[in-house]
Amino acid sequence: MNLSEWEHGGRYFATAEGRLFYRIEGEGEPLLLLHGFPTSSWDFHKIWPVLARQYQVITCDKLGFGFSDKPADGDYCIEAHLQRIWTLLAGLGLSHVRLLAHDVGNTITQAWLARQLEGPVPVTLTKVCLLNGGLFPETHRMRPLQRALLSPVGRWLARFSNARRFGRGLAEVFAPETQPSAAELADYWTLMSRQQGHHLLHKHIQYIRERRLQRERWVGALQNTPVSLSLIDGVLDPVSGAHMVERFRQLLPGRRVTELACGHFPQVEMPLQVLAALDQHWAV
């Protein structure tokens, strides 16, 4: 499936701040796929066809990403993303979902689990599997570009981003043996730069500050949730690889973990292994 086919298989959902691009396919139990920074739901295209034969699969581009609208004055905090996801799912008539999340999608999931512990939520999580992401601020190893985007020059750095620098930074978090092709990197940039979305990178990166401020609540949600929770991690990831897995096992003993010899994007780098691990995690 190429990028054009991915777009044409999707739909748009109107919110007060702009349209969200989403895809829904298949029958059975609803399964939501949540993407991370700085990419889009396209991250799941390699595992989508198989999952759509097992579940009713839903994914969306968060506001500011991919094919969704990218308002300059949009609210891109974690809570705002969560509220829009709830609105979309409720609009689709869903009240319960399984969830596979990646990167900042994990952070949204942590906020979701925290809200679920604190009281009723519009859509309830039944099972959760996490891919690579900064679950614990103390183990998150920021890349130089992320540090720069968080700095006072972040606004200007975002504005002058280009395909070459963006692609180089993205490729650095893939494993040496599973590097993206030039065509794949071009697709990532196409999605990021639509509606000048790269101008918003300094706004999107603020989730790293939110993780620090909400650390006890969001990590506590992982530790205390009764929801089935597991991890599939590419251990060669310089951001959230083997060192993050070690911390996960320390803080969440007994939770299922699968380690893969890839980088930050297991669903792209080793899609068949991710599907096999997901089947094992959710077999009971």
Protein backbone atom coordinates (compact mmCIF):
# COMPACT_ATOMS: atom_id res chain seq x y z
CA MET A 1 0.00 0.00 0.00
CA ASN A 2 1.51 3.34 -1.01
CA LEU A 3 0.91 6.73 0.56
CA SER A 4 -1.72 7.74 -1.96
CA GLU A 5 -3.69 4.54 -1.36
CA TRP A 6 -3.45 5.12 2.39
CA GLU A 7 -4.92 8.60 1.99
CA HIS A 8 -7.69 7.52 -0.37
CA GLY A 9 -8.74 4.76 2.02
CA GLY A 10 -9.32 7.31 4.77
CA ARG A 11 -12.00 9.75 5.84
CA TYR A 12 -12.18 13.09 7.63
CA PHE A 13 -13.78 13.94 10.96
CA ALA A 14 -14.57 17.57 11.77
CA THR A 15 -13.54 19.06 15.11
CA ALA A 16 -13.71 22.65 16.35
CA GLU A 17 -10.01 23.10 15.54
CA GLY A 18 -9.83 21.32 12.19
CA ARG A 19 -10.36 18.04 10.39
CA LEU A 20 -8.84 14.78 11.59
CA PHE A 21 -7.86 12.22 8.98
CA TYR A 22 -8.80 8.69 10.05
CA ARG A 23 -9.08 5.17 8.70
CA ILE A 24 -11.39 2.38 9.81
CA GLU A 25 -11.55 -1.12 8.40
CA GLY A 26 -12.50 -4.65 9.42
CA GLU A 27 -14.96 -6.23 11.81
CA GLY A 28 -14.84 -7.49 15.36
CA GLU A 29 -13.40 -5.96 18.50
CA PRO A 30 -12.26 -2.34 17.98
CA LEU A 31 -8.50 -1.81 17.97
CA LEU A 32 -7.09 1.73 17.98
CA LEU A 33 -3.58 2.48 16.66
CA LEU A 34 -1.95 5.69 17.98
CA HIS A 35 1.09 7.17 16.24
CA GLY A 36 3.90 9.27 17.63
CA PHE A 37 6.12 12.28 16.93
CA PRO A 38 6.94 13.50 14.31
CA THR A 39 5.14 11.07 12.01
CA SER A 40 1.54 9.90 11.43
CA SER A 41 -0.82 6.95 11.20
CA TRP A 42 1.09 5.93 8.05
CA ASP A 43 3.53 4.31 10.51
CA PHE A 44 1.06 1.41 10.79
CA HIS A 45 0.50 0.71 7.09
CA LYS A 46 2.67 -2.44 7.08
CA ILE A 47 0.66 -4.13 9.84
CA TRP A 48 -2.72 -2.67 8.93
CA PRO A 49 -3.94 -5.35 6.45
CA VAL A 50 -3.33 -8.24 8.86
CA LEU A 51 -4.89 -6.44 11.82
CA ALA A 52 -7.93 -5.49 9.71
CA ARG A 53 -8.61 -9.21 9.22
CA GLN A 54 -8.72 -9.73 12.99
CA TYR A 55 -10.24 -6.52 14.37
CA GLN A 56 -12.18 -3.42 13.52
CA VAL A 57 -9.06 -1.27 13.23
CA ILE A 58 -9.12 2.48 13.68
CA THR A 59 -6.30 4.96 13.38
CA CYS A 60 -6.05 8.69 12.93
CA ASP A 61 -3.54 11.44 12.33
CA LYS A 62 -3.47 13.63 15.39
CA LEU A 63 -4.21 17.30 14.77
CA GLY A 64 -1.04 18.88 13.37
CA PHE A 65 0.22 15.64 11.78
CA GLY A 66 -0.08 13.70 8.54
CA PHE A 67 -3.21 14.36 6.52
CA SER A 68 -5.02 16.09 9.39
CA ASP A 69 -5.32 19.87 9.53
CA LYS A 70 -2.43 21.80 11.06
CA PRO A 71 -3.72 25.04 12.56
CA ALA A 72 -0.96 27.38 13.71
CA ASP A 73 -2.95 28.19 16.85
CA GLY A 74 -4.04 24.61 17.61
CA ASP A 75 -3.87 23.12 21.08
CA TYR A 76 -1.28 20.36 20.90
CA CYS A 77 -1.02 19.38 24.55
CA ILE A 78 -1.55 15.74 25.53
CA GLU A 79 -4.96 16.34 27.10
CA ALA A 80 -6.21 18.11 23.96
CA HIS A 81 -5.07 15.21 21.76
CA LEU A 82 -6.81 12.77 24.11
CA GLN A 83 -10.06 14.71 24.08
CA ARG A 84 -10.10 14.80 20.26
CA ILE A 85 -9.45 11.05 20.10
CA TRP A 86 -12.35 10.45 22.47
CA THR A 87 -14.58 12.68 20.33
CA LEU A 88 -13.66 10.76 17.18
CA LEU A 89 -14.23 7.36 18.78
CA ALA A 90 -17.53 8.43 20.31
CA GLY A 91 -18.56 9.77 16.91
CA LEU A 92 -17.88 6.29 15.51
CA GLY A 93 -20.13 4.81 18.19
CA LEU A 94 -17.32 3.17 20.16
CA SER A 95 -17.21 2.91 23.95
CA HIS A 96 -14.42 0.31 24.42
CA VAL A 97 -11.19 -0.28 22.46
CA ARG A 98 -7.96 -2.22 22.54
CA LEU A 99 -4.94 -0.02 21.90
CA LEU A 100 -1.55 -0.31 20.20
CA ALA A 101 0.44 2.89 20.73
CA HIS A 102 3.84 4.26 19.73
CA ASP A 103 6.07 7.11 20.92
CA VAL A 104 3.96 10.09 22.06
CA GLY A 105 0.95 7.85 21.47
CA ASN A 106 2.23 6.08 24.59
CA THR A 107 2.09 9.35 26.51
CA ILE A 108 -1.51 9.88 25.43
CA THR A 109 -2.19 6.31 26.56
CA GLN A 110 -0.66 7.03 29.98
CA ALA A 111 -2.91 10.07 30.35
CA TRP A 112 -5.88 7.93 29.26
CA LEU A 113 -5.08 5.23 31.82
CA ALA A 114 -4.70 7.88 34.52
CA ARG A 115 -8.10 9.34 33.69
CA GLN A 116 -9.59 5.83 33.66
CA LEU A 117 -8.24 5.21 37.17
CA GLU A 118 -9.68 8.51 38.37
CA GLY A 119 -13.22 7.96 37.13
CA PRO A 120 -15.46 7.19 34.16
CA VAL A 121 -14.10 8.05 30.70
CA PRO A 122 -15.95 8.36 27.36
CA VAL A 123 -14.07 5.40 25.88
CA THR A 124 -12.62 2.61 28.03
CA LEU A 125 -9.35 0.84 27.30
CA THR A 126 -9.60 -2.96 27.57
CA LYS A 127 -6.07 -4.06 26.56
CA VAL A 128 -2.95 -2.02 25.84
CA CYS A 129 0.29 -2.81 24.04
CA LEU A 130 3.00 -0.16 23.83
CA LEU A 131 5.77 0.19 21.28
CA ASN A 132 8.92 2.28 21.73
CA GLY A 133 8.40 5.56 23.53
CA GLY A 134 9.50 7.71 26.45
CA LEU A 135 7.41 6.10 29.18
CA PHE A 136 9.76 7.28 31.93
CA PRO A 137 11.34 10.77 31.82
CA GLU A 138 14.40 9.44 33.65
CA THR A 139 15.24 7.04 30.79
CA HIS A 140 14.24 9.18 27.82
CA ARG A 141 17.35 10.05 25.80
CA MET A 142 16.53 13.08 23.71
CA ARG A 143 18.08 13.49 20.30
CA PRO A 144 20.00 16.73 19.56
CA LEU A 145 17.16 17.94 17.33
CA GLN A 146 14.63 17.46 20.11
CA ARG A 147 16.78 19.45 22.53
CA ALA A 148 17.13 22.21 19.99
CA LEU A 149 13.37 22.33 19.33
CA LEU A 150 12.75 22.71 23.07
CA SER A 151 15.23 25.60 23.28
CA PRO A 152 14.51 29.31 22.64
CA VAL A 153 15.59 28.85 19.00
CA GLY A 154 13.13 26.00 18.47
CA ARG A 155 10.60 28.18 16.65
CA TRP A 156 13.17 29.24 14.06
CA LEU A 157 14.64 25.78 13.75
CA ALA A 158 11.18 24.38 12.99
CA ARG A 159 10.49 27.04 10.38
CA PHE A 160 13.70 26.29 8.50
CA SER A 161 13.41 22.49 8.64
CA ASN A 162 13.85 20.75 5.30
CA ALA A 163 13.54 17.25 3.86
CA ARG A 164 17.24 16.47 4.15
CA ARG A 165 17.63 17.41 7.83
CA PHE A 166 14.29 15.86 8.75
CA GLY A 167 15.14 12.59 7.00
CA ARG A 168 18.61 12.40 8.52
CA GLY A 169 17.25 12.89 12.03
CA LEU A 170 14.55 10.27 11.53
CA ALA A 171 16.94 7.70 10.09
CA GLU A 172 19.18 8.02 13.16
CA VAL A 173 16.60 6.28 15.37
CA PHE A 174 16.21 3.29 13.04
CA ALA A 175 18.57 0.33 13.50
CA PRO A 176 21.52 0.00 11.09
CA GLU A 177 20.06 -3.12 9.46
CA THR A 178 16.52 -1.76 9.11
CA GLN A 179 17.10 1.72 7.71
CA PRO A 180 14.27 3.46 5.81
CA SER A 181 14.68 3.89 2.08
CA ALA A 182 15.01 7.29 0.44
CA ALA A 183 11.43 6.91 -0.82
CA GLU A 184 10.14 6.18 2.68
CA LEU A 185 11.94 9.21 4.10
CA ALA A 186 10.42 11.32 1.32
CA ASP A 187 6.95 10.06 2.33
CA TYR A 188 7.58 11.01 5.96
CA TRP A 189 8.56 14.52 4.89
CA THR A 190 5.53 14.83 2.58
CA LEU A 191 3.27 14.08 5.52
CA MET A 192 5.11 16.38 7.90
CA SER A 193 5.35 19.34 5.53
CA ARG A 194 1.71 19.37 4.36
CA GLN A 195 0.11 22.70 5.29
CA GLN A 196 3.59 23.72 6.53
CA GLY A 197 3.25 21.32 9.41
CA HIS A 198 7.00 21.40 10.05
CA HIS A 199 6.53 24.96 11.33
CA LEU A 200 4.77 23.41 14.34
CA LEU A 201 7.54 21.05 15.44
CA HIS A 202 8.54 23.27 18.35
CA LYS A 203 4.94 23.19 19.60
CA HIS A 204 4.54 19.43 19.26
CA ILE A 205 7.76 18.73 21.18
CA GLN A 206 6.35 20.31 24.34
CA TYR A 207 5.00 16.87 25.30
CA ILE A 208 8.48 16.19 26.71
CA ARG A 209 7.95 18.92 29.30
CA GLU A 210 4.47 17.55 30.04
CA ARG A 211 5.97 14.12 30.72
CA ARG A 212 8.26 15.59 33.36
CA LEU A 213 5.49 17.59 35.03
CA GLN A 214 3.07 14.65 35.03
CA ARG A 215 5.67 11.97 35.77
CA GLU A 216 4.19 10.61 39.00
CA ARG A 217 0.64 10.56 37.69
CA TRP A 218 1.40 9.04 34.29
CA VAL A 219 3.97 6.49 35.44
CA GLY A 220 1.68 5.68 38.35
CA ALA A 221 -1.08 4.95 35.83
CA LEU A 222 1.11 2.29 34.22
CA GLN A 223 1.89 0.75 37.60
CA ASN A 224 -1.64 0.79 38.97
CA THR A 225 -3.90 0.11 36.01
CA PRO A 226 -5.82 -3.18 36.08
CA VAL A 227 -5.85 -3.12 32.26
CA SER A 228 -3.78 -5.77 30.47
CA LEU A 229 -0.56 -3.93 29.57
CA SER A 230 2.50 -5.07 27.63
CA LEU A 231 5.51 -3.76 25.69
CA ILE A 232 7.07 -4.55 22.30
CA ASP A 233 10.37 -2.70 22.06
CA GLY A 234 13.08 -2.25 19.46
CA VAL A 235 16.09 -2.49 21.75
CA LEU A 236 18.52 -0.82 19.30
CA ASP A 237 16.59 2.44 19.57
CA PRO A 238 18.91 5.18 20.95
CA VAL A 239 15.92 7.03 22.44
CA SER A 240 13.89 4.33 24.20
CA GLY A 241 15.60 1.01 23.55
CA ALA A 242 17.19 -1.55 25.88
CA HIS A 243 17.74 0.99 28.67
CA MET A 244 14.01 1.80 28.72
CA VAL A 245 13.10 -1.90 28.74
CA GLU A 246 15.25 -2.37 31.83
CA ARG A 247 13.38 0.42 33.62
CA PHE A 248 10.03 -0.98 32.43
CA ARG A 249 10.85 -4.32 34.05
CA GLN A 250 11.93 -2.61 37.28
CA LEU A 251 8.75 -0.55 37.63
CA LEU A 252 6.25 -2.94 36.05
CA PRO A 253 7.37 -6.43 37.08
CA GLY A 254 5.28 -9.21 35.61
CA ARG A 255 4.13 -7.27 32.56
CA ARG A 256 4.86 -9.05 29.28
CA VAL A 257 7.78 -7.70 27.21
CA THR A 258 9.03 -8.64 23.74
CA GLU A 259 12.44 -7.34 22.63
CA LEU A 260 13.18 -6.96 18.92
CA ALA A 261 16.52 -6.29 17.20
CA CYS A 262 15.42 -3.03 15.61
CA GLY A 263 15.18 0.67 16.34
CA HIS A 264 12.48 3.14 17.32
CA PHE A 265 9.85 2.03 14.79
CA PRO A 266 9.27 -1.74 15.27
CA GLN A 267 6.00 -1.66 13.31
CA VAL A 268 7.93 -0.33 10.30
CA GLU A 269 11.26 -2.12 10.77
CA MET A 270 9.97 -5.56 11.81
CA PRO A 271 6.22 -5.65 11.09
CA LEU A 272 5.89 -9.45 10.99
CA GLN A 273 7.61 -9.81 14.35
CA VAL A 274 5.38 -7.11 15.85
CA LEU A 275 2.26 -8.93 14.63
CA ALA A 276 3.51 -12.25 16.06
CA ALA A 277 4.34 -10.65 19.41
CA LEU A 278 0.97 -8.91 19.55
CA ASP A 279 -0.81 -12.21 18.99
CA GLN A 280 1.19 -13.75 21.84
CA HIS A 281 0.54 -10.84 24.20
CA TRP A 282 -3.18 -10.90 23.57
CA ALA A 283 -3.60 -14.68 23.39
CA VAL A 284 -5.05 -14.81 26.90
